Protein backbone atom coordinates (compact mmCIF):
# COMPACT_ATOMS: atom_id res chain seq x y z
CA MET A 1 -11.92 -20.24 -42.26
CA ALA A 2 -14.83 -22.71 -42.61
CA GLN A 3 -17.92 -21.25 -44.03
CA HIS A 4 -21.52 -22.30 -43.18
CA PHE A 5 -24.35 -22.31 -45.52
CA ARG A 6 -28.13 -23.60 -45.53
CA LEU A 7 -28.94 -26.46 -47.76
CA SER A 8 -31.94 -26.34 -50.02
CA ALA A 9 -35.05 -28.41 -49.18
CA ALA A 10 -34.26 -30.87 -51.98
CA SER A 11 -30.97 -31.90 -50.37
CA ARG A 12 -30.78 -35.70 -49.86
CA THR A 13 -31.39 -37.16 -46.54
CA LEU A 14 -30.47 -40.64 -45.26
CA SER A 15 -33.46 -42.26 -43.44
CA LEU A 16 -33.52 -45.62 -41.77
CA LYS A 17 -36.20 -46.66 -44.30
CA GLU A 18 -33.82 -46.03 -47.20
CA ILE A 19 -30.90 -47.93 -45.49
CA TYR A 20 -32.85 -51.09 -44.85
CA LYS A 21 -34.67 -50.79 -48.24
CA GLY A 22 -31.07 -50.65 -50.02
CA GLY A 23 -30.08 -53.86 -48.52
CA GLU A 24 -26.75 -55.10 -47.18
CA GLU A 25 -25.07 -54.93 -50.53
CA LYS A 26 -25.75 -51.30 -51.09
CA ALA A 27 -24.57 -50.39 -47.61
CA LYS A 28 -21.47 -52.43 -48.13
CA ALA A 29 -20.91 -50.52 -51.48
CA MET A 30 -21.20 -47.36 -49.60
CA PHE A 31 -18.43 -48.26 -47.16
CA ARG A 32 -16.26 -49.53 -49.91
CA LYS A 33 -16.54 -46.16 -51.84
CA LEU A 34 -15.84 -44.14 -48.61
CA ARG A 35 -12.84 -46.51 -47.68
CA TRP A 36 -11.33 -46.38 -51.22
CA PRO A 37 -12.50 -43.19 -52.93
CA GLU A 38 -9.42 -43.02 -55.20
CA THR A 39 -10.48 -46.39 -56.90
CA ASP A 40 -14.29 -45.73 -56.64
CA GLY A 41 -14.59 -48.59 -54.16
CA GLU A 42 -12.25 -51.12 -55.56
CA PRO A 43 -10.16 -52.64 -52.73
CA VAL A 44 -6.62 -51.56 -51.97
CA CYS A 45 -4.45 -53.59 -49.80
CA PRO A 46 -3.70 -51.91 -46.60
CA VAL A 47 -0.37 -53.55 -46.21
CA CYS A 48 1.36 -53.05 -49.53
CA ASP A 49 -1.03 -50.61 -51.31
CA HIS A 50 -1.50 -53.09 -54.15
CA THR A 51 -4.54 -52.44 -56.27
CA ILE A 52 -5.15 -55.90 -57.59
CA CYS A 53 -7.08 -57.76 -54.81
CA LYS A 54 -9.50 -60.77 -55.31
CA PRO A 55 -12.55 -61.65 -53.17
CA VAL A 56 -12.15 -64.76 -51.11
CA LYS A 57 -14.55 -67.52 -51.74
CA ASN A 58 -17.26 -67.86 -49.08
CA ARG A 59 -15.60 -65.18 -46.97
CA PRO A 60 -16.34 -61.38 -46.69
CA THR A 61 -12.61 -60.62 -47.33
CA PHE A 62 -10.15 -59.83 -50.10
CA ARG A 63 -6.77 -61.33 -50.80
CA CYS A 64 -4.02 -59.18 -52.13
CA THR A 65 -2.22 -60.77 -55.14
CA ALA A 66 1.10 -59.21 -54.19
CA CYS A 67 1.68 -59.85 -50.57
CA ASN A 68 -1.00 -62.42 -50.03
CA LYS A 69 -2.62 -60.70 -47.10
CA GLN A 70 -6.31 -60.99 -46.36
CA PHE A 71 -8.31 -58.08 -45.31
CA SER A 72 -11.91 -56.75 -45.18
CA ILE A 73 -13.70 -53.45 -45.87
CA THR A 74 -13.19 -52.38 -42.24
CA SER A 75 -9.80 -53.94 -41.63
CA GLY A 76 -7.45 -51.31 -40.00
CA THR A 77 -10.27 -48.87 -39.38
CA ILE A 78 -12.14 -47.86 -36.38
CA PHE A 79 -14.75 -50.58 -37.20
CA ALA A 80 -12.21 -53.30 -37.32
CA SER A 81 -13.47 -56.68 -36.01
CA ARG A 82 -16.99 -55.46 -36.35
CA LYS A 83 -19.82 -58.13 -36.03
CA MET A 84 -22.84 -55.96 -36.88
CA ASP A 85 -24.18 -56.02 -40.46
CA TYR A 86 -23.45 -52.99 -42.59
CA THR A 87 -26.99 -51.91 -42.76
CA ASP A 88 -27.25 -51.86 -38.77
CA LEU A 89 -23.89 -49.98 -38.72
CA LEU A 90 -25.05 -47.44 -41.14
CA ALA A 91 -28.43 -47.20 -39.30
CA ALA A 92 -26.53 -46.54 -35.99
CA ILE A 93 -24.52 -43.80 -37.66
CA ALA A 94 -27.59 -42.21 -39.15
CA ILE A 95 -29.33 -42.12 -35.66
CA VAL A 96 -26.16 -40.86 -33.91
CA VAL A 97 -25.56 -37.80 -36.38
CA ASN A 98 -29.38 -37.01 -36.62
CA ALA A 99 -29.73 -36.45 -32.90
CA ALA A 100 -29.13 -32.72 -32.56
CA LYS A 101 -28.38 -33.07 -28.71
CA GLY A 102 -27.19 -36.64 -28.60
CA VAL A 103 -28.99 -39.98 -28.12
CA SER A 104 -28.83 -42.08 -24.98
CA MET A 105 -27.16 -45.55 -25.15
CA VAL A 106 -30.27 -47.25 -23.98
CA GLN A 107 -32.37 -45.64 -26.65
CA LEU A 108 -29.81 -46.60 -29.38
CA SER A 109 -29.53 -50.11 -28.15
CA ARG A 110 -33.24 -50.38 -28.37
CA ASP A 111 -33.37 -48.83 -31.88
CA LEU A 112 -30.81 -51.25 -33.11
CA ASP A 113 -31.97 -54.30 -31.19
CA CYS A 114 -28.44 -54.82 -29.73
CA GLN A 115 -26.83 -54.90 -26.22
CA TYR A 116 -26.23 -51.69 -24.32
CA LYS A 117 -22.51 -52.62 -24.30
CA THR A 118 -22.53 -52.65 -28.21
CA ALA A 119 -24.32 -49.37 -28.53
CA PHE A 120 -21.93 -47.71 -25.90
CA VAL A 121 -18.69 -48.77 -27.62
CA LEU A 122 -19.97 -47.97 -31.08
CA SER A 123 -21.02 -44.46 -30.10
CA HIS A 124 -17.67 -43.72 -28.57
CA LYS A 125 -15.83 -44.94 -31.70
CA LEU A 126 -17.99 -42.54 -33.80
CA ARG A 127 -17.06 -39.70 -31.36
CA GLU A 128 -13.43 -40.59 -31.92
CA ALA A 129 -14.01 -40.50 -35.75
CA MET A 130 -15.93 -37.11 -35.41
CA ALA A 131 -12.75 -35.60 -33.61
CA MET A 132 -10.91 -35.80 -36.98
CA ASP A 133 -12.84 -32.68 -38.29
CA ILE A 134 -12.51 -30.95 -34.84
CA HIS A 135 -8.79 -31.23 -33.88
CA THR A 136 -7.22 -30.68 -37.52
CA GLY A 137 -4.15 -28.80 -36.22
CA VAL A 138 -5.30 -25.73 -38.32
CA GLU A 139 -5.14 -22.40 -36.24
CA LEU A 140 -8.49 -20.66 -35.65
CA ASP A 141 -8.78 -17.19 -37.12
CA GLY A 142 -11.11 -14.25 -37.47
CA VAL A 143 -13.19 -13.46 -34.30
CA VAL A 144 -12.52 -16.29 -31.80
CA GLU A 145 -14.70 -16.55 -28.70
CA ILE A 146 -13.35 -18.27 -25.58
CA ASP A 147 -15.21 -19.47 -22.44
CA GLY A 148 -15.50 -22.31 -20.05
CA MET A 149 -18.34 -24.40 -18.81
CA TYR A 150 -17.98 -26.46 -15.43
CA ASN A 151 -19.33 -30.04 -15.34
CA GLY A 152 -19.84 -32.35 -12.39
CA GLY A 153 -18.14 -32.52 -8.95
CA LYS A 154 -21.11 -31.66 -6.81
CA ILE A 155 -22.28 -34.14 -4.08
CA ARG A 156 -25.90 -35.12 -3.73
CA PRO A 157 -27.81 -32.80 -1.41
CA ALA A 158 -28.88 -34.32 1.97
CA ASN A 159 -32.45 -35.11 2.62
CA GLU A 160 -32.82 -32.89 5.71
CA LYS A 161 -32.29 -29.11 5.36
CA ALA A 162 -30.39 -29.00 8.52
CA LYS A 163 -27.62 -31.46 7.16
CA ARG A 164 -27.29 -29.73 3.88
CA VAL A 165 -23.92 -28.10 3.14
CA ASP A 166 -22.73 -25.36 0.66
CA ARG A 167 -21.99 -27.51 -2.32
CA ARG A 168 -20.02 -24.80 -4.14
CA LEU A 169 -17.16 -25.19 -1.75
CA ALA A 170 -14.14 -27.41 -2.80
CA LYS A 171 -14.33 -29.43 0.42
CA HIS A 172 -17.92 -30.44 -0.30
CA GLN A 173 -17.11 -31.72 -3.92
CA THR A 174 -16.27 -35.07 -5.12
CA GLY A 175 -13.02 -34.13 -6.97
CA THR A 176 -14.52 -35.04 -10.57
CA ARG A 177 -15.43 -31.49 -11.53
CA ARG A 178 -13.93 -30.57 -15.02
CA VAL A 179 -13.99 -27.48 -17.18
CA VAL A 180 -14.70 -27.65 -20.91
CA VAL A 181 -12.89 -24.75 -22.42
CA ALA A 182 -14.09 -23.91 -25.94
CA LEU A 183 -12.57 -21.92 -28.57
CA ARG A 184 -14.94 -21.03 -31.25
CA GLU A 185 -14.67 -18.96 -34.50
CA ARG A 186 -17.72 -16.80 -34.91
CA PHE A 187 -18.28 -18.07 -38.38
CA GLY A 188 -16.34 -21.42 -38.31
CA ARG A 189 -14.95 -24.06 -36.21
CA THR A 190 -15.39 -25.04 -32.57
CA LEU A 191 -12.35 -26.33 -30.68
CA PRO A 192 -13.21 -27.91 -27.10
CA PHE A 193 -10.79 -29.11 -24.40
CA VAL A 194 -11.29 -30.49 -21.01
CA THR A 195 -9.18 -28.97 -18.27
CA MET A 196 -9.09 -28.82 -14.48
CA ASN A 197 -9.20 -24.98 -14.42
CA GLU A 198 -10.84 -22.35 -16.64
CA SER A 199 -7.53 -20.27 -16.61
CA GLU A 200 -5.79 -23.00 -18.62
CA GLY A 201 -7.76 -21.77 -21.65
CA VAL A 202 -5.18 -19.04 -22.07
CA ALA A 203 -2.39 -21.54 -22.92
CA LEU A 204 -4.72 -23.43 -25.23
CA ALA A 205 -5.54 -20.24 -27.05
CA ILE A 206 -1.72 -19.46 -27.45
CA GLU A 207 -1.42 -22.97 -29.16
CA ASN A 208 -4.46 -22.90 -31.32
CA VAL A 209 -5.42 -19.25 -32.23
CA SER A 210 -3.66 -17.16 -34.98
CA ARG A 211 -2.10 -13.91 -33.58
CA GLN A 212 -4.00 -12.14 -36.31
CA ALA A 213 -7.26 -13.13 -34.87
CA VAL A 214 -9.52 -10.99 -32.55
CA MET A 215 -10.36 -12.71 -29.22
CA ALA A 216 -13.71 -12.26 -27.48
CA ALA A 217 -14.13 -13.11 -23.78
CA ASP A 218 -16.07 -12.26 -20.74
CA GLU A 219 -15.02 -10.17 -17.74
CA ALA A 220 -13.43 -13.03 -15.76
CA SER A 221 -10.00 -11.97 -14.50
CA HIS A 222 -8.05 -14.94 -15.89
CA TRP A 223 -8.86 -13.70 -19.46
CA ASP A 224 -6.83 -10.61 -18.76
CA ALA A 225 -3.63 -12.54 -19.94
CA LEU A 226 -5.07 -12.69 -23.56
CA HIS A 227 -4.42 -9.00 -24.09
CA ASP A 228 -0.65 -9.72 -24.11
CA ALA A 229 -1.03 -11.52 -27.53
CA TRP A 230 -4.35 -10.39 -29.09
CA GLU A 231 -6.76 -7.62 -29.45
CA VAL A 232 -9.57 -8.67 -27.24
CA ASP A 233 -13.14 -7.72 -27.07
CA ARG A 234 -14.47 -8.02 -23.48
CA VAL A 235 -18.04 -8.08 -22.37
CA ASN A 236 -19.26 -7.70 -18.73
CA HIS A 237 -22.08 -10.24 -18.52
CA SER A 238 -23.23 -8.74 -15.16
CA GLU A 239 -24.21 -5.62 -17.05
CA VAL A 240 -24.92 -6.72 -20.66
CA TYR A 241 -24.86 -9.96 -22.85
CA SER A 242 -23.98 -8.11 -26.04
CA ASP A 243 -22.30 -4.78 -26.29
CA HIS A 244 -22.35 -3.23 -29.93
CA GLY A 245 -21.11 -6.54 -31.46
CA LYS A 246 -18.94 -7.69 -28.54
CA HIS A 247 -20.36 -10.87 -27.17
CA THR A 248 -19.56 -14.53 -26.58
CA ASN A 249 -23.03 -15.78 -27.79
CA MET A 250 -21.54 -18.32 -30.17
CA VAL A 251 -19.49 -20.26 -27.60
CA GLU A 252 -22.42 -20.04 -25.21
CA SER A 253 -24.62 -21.57 -27.93
CA PHE A 254 -22.04 -24.56 -27.92
CA PHE A 255 -22.22 -24.91 -24.16
CA SER A 256 -26.03 -24.83 -24.41
CA ARG A 257 -26.05 -27.77 -26.70
CA LEU A 258 -23.46 -29.55 -24.57
CA ARG A 259 -25.30 -29.06 -21.30
CA ARG A 260 -28.46 -30.55 -22.86
CA MET A 261 -26.59 -33.40 -24.25
CA VAL A 262 -24.92 -34.34 -20.90
CA GLU A 263 -27.90 -33.61 -18.61
CA GLY A 264 -30.93 -34.27 -20.73
CA GLN A 265 -29.67 -37.43 -22.72
CA HIS A 266 -26.89 -39.07 -20.82
CA HIS A 267 -27.60 -37.76 -17.27
CA HIS A 268 -24.08 -38.52 -16.16
CA VAL A 269 -20.79 -38.47 -17.98
CA SER A 270 -17.62 -39.66 -16.62
CA PRO A 271 -14.81 -36.91 -16.45
CA HIS A 272 -12.53 -39.58 -18.13
CA TYR A 273 -14.67 -39.40 -21.33
CA LEU A 274 -16.14 -35.87 -21.14
CA TYR A 275 -13.80 -34.85 -23.85
CA GLN A 276 -15.48 -37.18 -26.28
CA TYR A 277 -18.97 -35.79 -25.68
CA ALA A 278 -17.48 -32.28 -26.07
CA ASN A 279 -15.97 -33.27 -29.52
CA GLN A 280 -19.45 -34.78 -30.55
CA ALA A 281 -21.26 -31.66 -29.59
CA ALA A 282 -18.70 -29.49 -31.34
CA TRP A 283 -19.04 -31.57 -34.49
CA LEU A 284 -22.78 -31.38 -34.42
CA GLU A 285 -22.57 -27.67 -34.06
CA ASP A 286 -20.08 -27.09 -36.89
CA HIS A 287 -22.04 -29.15 -39.32
CA ARG A 288 -25.57 -28.25 -38.17
CA PHE A 289 -26.73 -26.94 -41.56
CA GLU A 290 -25.83 -30.15 -43.40
CA SER A 291 -28.59 -32.81 -44.30
CA ASN A 292 -28.60 -36.08 -42.40
CA GLY A 293 -27.31 -37.97 -45.40
CA GLU A 294 -24.26 -35.66 -45.78
CA LEU A 295 -23.57 -36.03 -42.01
CA ALA A 296 -23.74 -39.83 -42.30
CA ALA A 297 -21.49 -39.95 -45.21
CA ARG A 298 -19.06 -37.55 -43.43
CA ALA A 299 -19.06 -39.85 -40.35
CA VAL A 300 -18.62 -42.98 -42.32
CA GLY A 301 -15.80 -41.36 -44.21
CA ASN A 302 -13.91 -40.30 -41.00
CA ALA A 303 -14.39 -43.73 -39.60
CA MET A 304 -12.88 -45.39 -42.66
CA LYS A 305 -9.83 -43.06 -42.44
CA SER A 306 -9.45 -43.65 -38.65
CA ALA A 307 -7.04 -46.27 -37.32
CA VAL A 308 -8.09 -49.00 -34.89
CA SER A 309 -9.18 -47.42 -31.68
CA ARG A 310 -6.64 -48.13 -28.87
CA ASN A 311 -9.28 -46.97 -26.29
CA TRP A 312 -12.44 -48.86 -27.47
CA LYS A 313 -11.21 -52.08 -29.36
CA GLY A 314 -11.98 -54.83 -26.90
CA TYR A 315 -13.14 -52.32 -24.32
CA TRP A 316 -15.42 -54.69 -22.43
CA GLN A 317 -13.21 -57.72 -22.77
CA ARG A 318 -10.45 -55.95 -20.80
CA ARG A 319 -12.74 -55.17 -17.97
CA LYS A 320 -14.43 -58.44 -17.14
């Protein structure tokens, strides 16, 4: 089970001033070391794993002496075919991971002096890399809280009171409502999923939670099925939020961050991409005690291990 700890005040942070002061070569060196940590930044051919590779004259690439293939630091990673300088790329990562409740794409594009389209795709690539730390395939254990958060689906209320309808009814909704079901270890990881109904969380718990764990849930009737597989602590929120140690406060804390990210920063999130924002909020929640420098290094390391994104490589070109 993951353990959280508070870092000392002397822990290193990574500011934008430090990034640009270091220059392009230092930023490039950081990417090299996180791409090839086994060789301390010395290039390794992504095709044949040969370790003797020479830089190509007047090009930002290397050539493998065994298979003669050319590659760059970001070849085959989530940042493949990038056009931004390494300093700007590192600055973007520092901004995104430092924003406790997310940063809007308009703000990021202004900070980086780039197009909105560039900031939008870059942020989604980073969210995809963050998911590596979230969906690891390792079962949750200990005390695991479960709950759901509804998002979207409501129509705009009519201007005149006489024409307003009950927006809670399904017939008066847009069909885009989704539920973020989260499983959260009380002292560890957060595992979010986007579903159509909150009751789907029971099947997700069966797939991702150890049978030795203790589940914690509210009084909703669809959580009754959890009792078939686990010891379950239930708390009736209509009467009390915490009942002698029985509560779902940790998963509610995650939903609080996610709501403020969606409503306060992005204002609208497509249900098609809601899962990525949920993964980002979970990543920020799980690593909230780490310094900005550690978060940036972790994000770069994940990006260097991630394959080329099938969803985001050439995103705008395919939709012209």
